[in-house]
Amino acid sequence: MKEQNQHIKIYGNGSLPGGKFAKVRIMGHGCVEGDLTGRQCKIFGEGKLEGKTVLGRLGVFGTASIQGPLTANVLEVFGKLDINGQNEG
C-alpha cells in the first residue's frame, strides 16, 4: 500500500482501521485497530495502537497503550506509555 500524504485526526472515541499515513493525531480516546505506518503519530488524551506500528516519530502527551510491536526512530513520552503490558514513563 502506498503511503497516503494525508494528515489523519481522530477525535473523541473515534477509530481508524490502520494504514499508511503521513501524520496521525489522536485526541480523546482514539484507537488505531490495525497496522499503522507513517512519519509521525502524536497522542493527546488516551490513545490505543493495536497492530504493528512503524513510525518515524511517536509523541505521547497523555496516556498511550500499544498492543503490538513498535518501531519508532524517535520516541517522546511526556505522559504514560504502556507497551504490551509494560509501563514506560
N, C-alpha and C. Protein backbone atom coordinates (compact mmCIF):
# COMPACT_ATOMS: atom_id res chain seq x y z
N MET A 1 0.85 -1.18 0.00
CA MET A 1 0.00 0.00 0.00
C MET A 1 0.89 1.24 0.00
N LYS A 2 0.62 2.15 -0.91
CA LYS A 2 1.39 3.38 -1.00
C LYS A 2 1.00 4.32 0.14
N GLU A 3 2.01 5.01 0.72
CA GLU A 3 1.73 5.96 1.80
C GLU A 3 0.85 7.09 1.30
N GLN A 4 -0.17 7.37 2.04
CA GLN A 4 -1.04 8.49 1.73
C GLN A 4 -0.41 9.75 2.29
N ASN A 5 -0.35 10.80 1.52
CA ASN A 5 0.19 12.06 2.01
C ASN A 5 -0.94 12.82 2.70
N GLN A 6 -1.45 12.20 3.75
CA GLN A 6 -2.59 12.74 4.48
C GLN A 6 -2.24 12.93 5.94
N HIS A 7 -2.97 13.81 6.55
CA HIS A 7 -2.90 14.01 7.99
C HIS A 7 -4.25 13.56 8.53
N ILE A 8 -4.24 12.55 9.37
CA ILE A 8 -5.47 11.99 9.93
C ILE A 8 -5.58 12.43 11.38
N LYS A 9 -6.75 12.91 11.77
CA LYS A 9 -7.01 13.29 13.16
C LYS A 9 -8.20 12.48 13.67
N ILE A 10 -8.00 11.85 14.83
CA ILE A 10 -9.06 11.08 15.46
C ILE A 10 -9.48 11.83 16.71
N TYR A 11 -10.75 12.21 16.79
CA TYR A 11 -11.28 12.96 17.93
C TYR A 11 -12.22 12.08 18.74
N GLY A 12 -12.33 12.36 20.04
CA GLY A 12 -13.30 11.66 20.88
C GLY A 12 -13.03 10.17 20.94
N ASN A 13 -14.05 9.37 20.68
CA ASN A 13 -13.94 7.91 20.72
C ASN A 13 -13.78 7.31 19.33
N GLY A 14 -13.22 8.06 18.41
CA GLY A 14 -13.08 7.59 17.03
C GLY A 14 -12.03 6.51 16.88
N SER A 15 -12.10 5.81 15.75
CA SER A 15 -11.12 4.77 15.47
C SER A 15 -10.74 4.79 14.00
N LEU A 16 -9.65 4.13 13.71
CA LEU A 16 -9.09 4.05 12.36
C LEU A 16 -8.69 2.60 12.14
N PRO A 17 -9.00 1.99 10.99
CA PRO A 17 -8.66 0.58 10.79
C PRO A 17 -7.16 0.33 10.56
N GLY A 18 -6.36 1.37 10.42
CA GLY A 18 -4.94 1.21 10.15
C GLY A 18 -4.62 1.72 8.75
N GLY A 19 -3.37 1.62 8.35
CA GLY A 19 -2.96 2.05 7.02
C GLY A 19 -1.65 2.80 7.06
N LYS A 20 -1.33 3.45 5.93
CA LYS A 20 -0.10 4.23 5.80
C LYS A 20 -0.49 5.69 5.62
N PHE A 21 -0.03 6.53 6.53
CA PHE A 21 -0.38 7.94 6.52
C PHE A 21 0.85 8.77 6.85
N ALA A 22 0.86 10.01 6.40
CA ALA A 22 1.97 10.91 6.72
C ALA A 22 1.97 11.21 8.21
N LYS A 23 0.82 11.66 8.74
CA LYS A 23 0.73 12.01 10.16
C LYS A 23 -0.61 11.55 10.72
N VAL A 24 -0.57 11.05 11.94
CA VAL A 24 -1.79 10.67 12.65
C VAL A 24 -1.77 11.37 14.00
N ARG A 25 -2.90 11.99 14.35
CA ARG A 25 -3.03 12.67 15.64
C ARG A 25 -4.28 12.12 16.32
N ILE A 26 -4.10 11.63 17.56
CA ILE A 26 -5.22 11.09 18.34
C ILE A 26 -5.48 12.03 19.49
N MET A 27 -6.73 12.52 19.57
CA MET A 27 -7.13 13.42 20.65
C MET A 27 -8.41 12.87 21.26
N GLY A 28 -8.36 12.54 22.52
CA GLY A 28 -9.52 11.94 23.18
C GLY A 28 -9.22 10.49 23.51
N HIS A 29 -10.11 9.59 23.13
CA HIS A 29 -9.96 8.16 23.39
C HIS A 29 -9.88 7.40 22.07
N GLY A 30 -9.05 7.85 21.16
CA GLY A 30 -8.97 7.26 19.83
C GLY A 30 -8.19 5.96 19.79
N CYS A 31 -8.44 5.19 18.72
CA CYS A 31 -7.83 3.88 18.58
C CYS A 31 -7.48 3.62 17.12
N VAL A 32 -6.29 3.06 16.88
CA VAL A 32 -5.93 2.54 15.57
C VAL A 32 -5.99 1.03 15.71
N GLU A 33 -6.94 0.39 15.00
CA GLU A 33 -7.24 -1.02 15.22
C GLU A 33 -6.39 -1.97 14.39
N GLY A 34 -5.63 -1.49 13.44
CA GLY A 34 -4.79 -2.35 12.61
C GLY A 34 -3.37 -1.84 12.55
N ASP A 35 -2.61 -2.34 11.59
CA ASP A 35 -1.21 -1.92 11.43
C ASP A 35 -1.15 -0.47 10.98
N LEU A 36 -0.18 0.26 11.54
CA LEU A 36 -0.02 1.68 11.24
C LEU A 36 1.42 1.95 10.82
N THR A 37 1.58 2.60 9.67
CA THR A 37 2.89 3.02 9.19
C THR A 37 2.78 4.50 8.84
N GLY A 38 3.77 5.28 9.28
CA GLY A 38 3.73 6.70 8.96
C GLY A 38 4.96 7.43 9.45
N ARG A 39 5.01 8.71 9.12
CA ARG A 39 6.14 9.54 9.56
C ARG A 39 5.99 9.95 11.01
N GLN A 40 4.75 10.23 11.45
CA GLN A 40 4.58 10.79 12.79
C GLN A 40 3.21 10.42 13.35
N CYS A 41 3.18 10.15 14.65
CA CYS A 41 1.92 9.94 15.36
C CYS A 41 2.05 10.65 16.70
N LYS A 42 1.06 11.48 17.02
CA LYS A 42 1.01 12.17 18.31
C LYS A 42 -0.27 11.78 19.01
N ILE A 43 -0.15 11.46 20.29
CA ILE A 43 -1.30 11.04 21.09
C ILE A 43 -1.50 12.04 22.21
N PHE A 44 -2.67 12.68 22.20
CA PHE A 44 -3.09 13.60 23.26
C PHE A 44 -4.33 12.97 23.88
N GLY A 45 -4.37 12.82 25.17
CA GLY A 45 -5.51 12.14 25.80
C GLY A 45 -5.17 10.68 26.00
N GLU A 46 -6.08 9.79 25.61
CA GLU A 46 -5.85 8.35 25.75
C GLU A 46 -5.96 7.69 24.39
N GLY A 47 -4.84 7.19 23.90
CA GLY A 47 -4.83 6.55 22.59
C GLY A 47 -4.42 5.10 22.70
N LYS A 48 -4.85 4.31 21.71
CA LYS A 48 -4.54 2.89 21.69
C LYS A 48 -4.12 2.50 20.27
N LEU A 49 -2.97 1.82 20.17
CA LEU A 49 -2.48 1.30 18.90
C LEU A 49 -2.47 -0.21 19.02
N GLU A 50 -3.29 -0.89 18.21
CA GLU A 50 -3.48 -2.33 18.41
C GLU A 50 -2.68 -3.22 17.47
N GLY A 51 -2.21 -2.73 16.36
CA GLY A 51 -1.48 -3.57 15.41
C GLY A 51 0.01 -3.27 15.43
N LYS A 52 0.71 -3.73 14.40
CA LYS A 52 2.13 -3.43 14.23
C LYS A 52 2.25 -1.94 13.91
N THR A 53 3.16 -1.25 14.61
CA THR A 53 3.31 0.19 14.45
C THR A 53 4.74 0.51 14.03
N VAL A 54 4.90 1.17 12.88
CA VAL A 54 6.20 1.59 12.37
C VAL A 54 6.11 3.07 12.07
N LEU A 55 6.89 3.88 12.83
CA LEU A 55 6.80 5.33 12.72
C LEU A 55 8.18 5.96 12.71
N GLY A 56 8.27 7.14 12.13
CA GLY A 56 9.47 7.94 12.25
C GLY A 56 9.54 8.57 13.64
N ARG A 57 8.37 9.03 14.13
CA ARG A 57 8.32 9.71 15.43
C ARG A 57 6.99 9.41 16.11
N LEU A 58 7.07 9.02 17.38
CA LEU A 58 5.88 8.83 18.20
C LEU A 58 5.97 9.76 19.40
N GLY A 59 4.97 10.61 19.56
CA GLY A 59 4.89 11.52 20.70
C GLY A 59 3.68 11.20 21.55
N VAL A 60 3.90 10.99 22.84
CA VAL A 60 2.81 10.68 23.77
C VAL A 60 2.72 11.83 24.77
N PHE A 61 1.58 12.52 24.76
CA PHE A 61 1.37 13.67 25.63
C PHE A 61 0.20 13.42 26.57
N GLY A 62 -0.14 12.19 26.76
CA GLY A 62 -1.23 11.77 27.64
C GLY A 62 -0.96 10.33 28.05
N THR A 63 -1.87 9.43 27.71
CA THR A 63 -1.72 8.02 28.01
C THR A 63 -1.88 7.22 26.72
N ALA A 64 -0.93 6.33 26.46
CA ALA A 64 -0.99 5.51 25.26
C ALA A 64 -0.80 4.05 25.61
N SER A 65 -1.54 3.20 24.94
CA SER A 65 -1.42 1.76 25.09
C SER A 65 -1.10 1.17 23.72
N ILE A 66 0.01 0.45 23.64
CA ILE A 66 0.43 -0.16 22.39
C ILE A 66 0.38 -1.67 22.57
N GLN A 67 -0.44 -2.34 21.77
CA GLN A 67 -0.67 -3.77 21.94
C GLN A 67 0.16 -4.65 21.01
N GLY A 68 0.79 -4.09 20.01
CA GLY A 68 1.58 -4.87 19.07
C GLY A 68 3.02 -4.40 19.05
N PRO A 69 3.82 -4.91 18.11
CA PRO A 69 5.22 -4.48 18.02
C PRO A 69 5.33 -3.01 17.61
N LEU A 70 6.30 -2.33 18.19
CA LEU A 70 6.52 -0.91 17.93
C LEU A 70 7.92 -0.67 17.41
N THR A 71 8.03 0.06 16.30
CA THR A 71 9.30 0.55 15.78
C THR A 71 9.14 2.04 15.57
N ALA A 72 9.99 2.83 16.24
CA ALA A 72 9.95 4.29 16.09
C ALA A 72 11.38 4.82 16.15
N ASN A 73 11.74 5.68 15.21
CA ASN A 73 13.06 6.29 15.22
C ASN A 73 13.22 7.25 16.38
N VAL A 74 12.16 8.00 16.71
CA VAL A 74 12.17 8.95 17.82
C VAL A 74 10.94 8.67 18.67
N LEU A 75 11.16 8.55 19.98
CA LEU A 75 10.07 8.31 20.92
C LEU A 75 10.10 9.40 21.97
N GLU A 76 9.01 10.18 22.06
CA GLU A 76 8.89 11.26 23.04
C GLU A 76 7.72 10.94 23.96
N VAL A 77 7.99 10.78 25.24
CA VAL A 77 6.93 10.44 26.19
C VAL A 77 6.87 11.52 27.27
N PHE A 78 5.76 12.24 27.30
CA PHE A 78 5.53 13.27 28.30
C PHE A 78 4.32 12.90 29.15
N GLY A 79 3.97 11.65 29.13
CA GLY A 79 2.82 11.13 29.87
C GLY A 79 3.12 9.70 30.27
N LYS A 80 2.18 8.80 29.97
CA LYS A 80 2.33 7.39 30.33
C LYS A 80 2.20 6.53 29.07
N LEU A 81 3.15 5.61 28.90
CA LEU A 81 3.16 4.72 27.75
C LEU A 81 3.18 3.29 28.25
N ASP A 82 2.23 2.48 27.77
CA ASP A 82 2.14 1.06 28.12
C ASP A 82 2.36 0.26 26.84
N ILE A 83 3.46 -0.50 26.80
CA ILE A 83 3.77 -1.30 25.62
C ILE A 83 3.62 -2.77 25.99
N ASN A 84 2.63 -3.41 25.40
CA ASN A 84 2.36 -4.83 25.64
C ASN A 84 2.34 -5.18 27.13
N GLY A 85 1.70 -4.34 27.92
CA GLY A 85 1.54 -4.61 29.34
C GLY A 85 2.68 -4.14 30.23
N GLN A 86 3.70 -3.49 29.67
CA GLN A 86 4.82 -3.00 30.47
C GLN A 86 4.82 -1.48 30.44
N ASN A 87 4.75 -0.86 31.60
CA ASN A 87 4.67 0.60 31.69
C ASN A 87 6.02 1.25 31.44
N GLU A 88 6.02 2.31 30.65
CA GLU A 88 7.21 3.12 30.37
C GLU A 88 6.84 4.57 30.65
N GLY A 89 7.54 5.22 31.54
CA GLY A 89 7.27 6.64 31.76
C GLY A 89 6.39 6.94 32.91
